[in-house]
Amino acid sequence: MLKRLFHEENGQGMVEYGLIIALVAIAVILALTALGGGLKGKFNEIVSELGGTPAP
């Protein structure tokens, strides 16, 4: 029974996909955080041109 338990790989693929998804999510969060200030400024510029009130 222990030999079969050590050689069973059914859940291994799902764990690997989960780790890949987690790494991609972290990369996206870091990229959005790094670009956040520039994006906010650009959106405020667009809102001002359209006659709205920019976000604080």
Protein backbone atom coordinates (compact mmCIF):
# COMPACT_ATOMS: atom_id res chain seq x y z
CA MET A 1 0.00 0.00 0.00
CA LEU A 2 2.84 2.44 0.81
CA LYS A 3 4.56 1.74 -2.52
CA ARG A 4 1.36 2.58 -4.38
CA LEU A 5 0.92 5.76 -2.31
CA PHE A 6 4.44 6.99 -3.12
CA HIS A 7 4.09 6.30 -6.86
CA GLU A 8 0.62 7.78 -7.28
CA GLU A 9 0.80 11.03 -9.29
CA ASN A 10 -2.85 11.95 -9.85
CA GLY A 11 -2.77 15.20 -7.86
CA GLN A 12 0.72 16.25 -8.89
CA GLY A 13 -0.40 17.90 -12.14
CA MET A 14 -3.05 19.97 -10.38
CA VAL A 15 -0.52 21.21 -7.81
CA GLU A 16 1.84 22.28 -10.60
CA TYR A 17 -0.93 24.16 -12.40
CA GLY A 18 -1.89 25.83 -9.14
CA LEU A 19 1.68 27.00 -8.58
CA ILE A 20 1.90 28.37 -12.13
CA ILE A 21 -1.37 30.27 -11.70
CA ALA A 22 -0.15 31.68 -8.38
CA LEU A 23 3.11 32.89 -9.96
CA VAL A 24 1.25 34.51 -12.86
CA ALA A 25 -1.12 36.23 -10.41
CA ILE A 26 1.83 37.60 -8.41
CA ALA A 27 3.47 38.88 -11.60
CA VAL A 28 0.26 40.63 -12.68
CA ILE A 29 -0.20 42.24 -9.27
CA LEU A 30 3.40 43.50 -9.26
CA ALA A 31 3.08 44.88 -12.79
CA LEU A 32 -0.17 46.70 -12.00
CA THR A 33 1.31 48.11 -8.80
CA ALA A 34 4.37 49.38 -10.67
CA LEU A 35 2.24 50.99 -13.38
CA GLY A 36 -0.47 52.24 -11.01
CA GLY A 37 0.68 55.83 -10.67
CA GLY A 38 1.14 56.34 -14.37
CA LEU A 39 -2.23 54.82 -15.20
CA LYS A 40 -4.02 56.92 -12.59
CA GLY A 41 -2.45 60.08 -14.01
CA LYS A 42 -3.44 59.15 -17.55
CA PHE A 43 -7.05 58.38 -16.54
CA ASN A 44 -7.27 61.68 -14.62
CA GLU A 45 -6.00 63.49 -17.71
CA ILE A 46 -8.67 61.85 -19.86
CA VAL A 47 -11.41 62.66 -17.32
CA SER A 48 -10.28 66.29 -17.20
CA GLU A 49 -10.39 66.55 -21.00
CA LEU A 50 -13.91 65.14 -21.00
CA GLY A 51 -15.02 67.74 -18.45
CA GLY A 52 -15.30 65.47 -15.40
CA THR A 53 -13.81 65.68 -11.95
CA PRO A 54 -10.53 63.75 -11.57
CA ALA A 55 -10.11 61.24 -8.75
CA PRO A 56 -8.16 62.41 -5.69
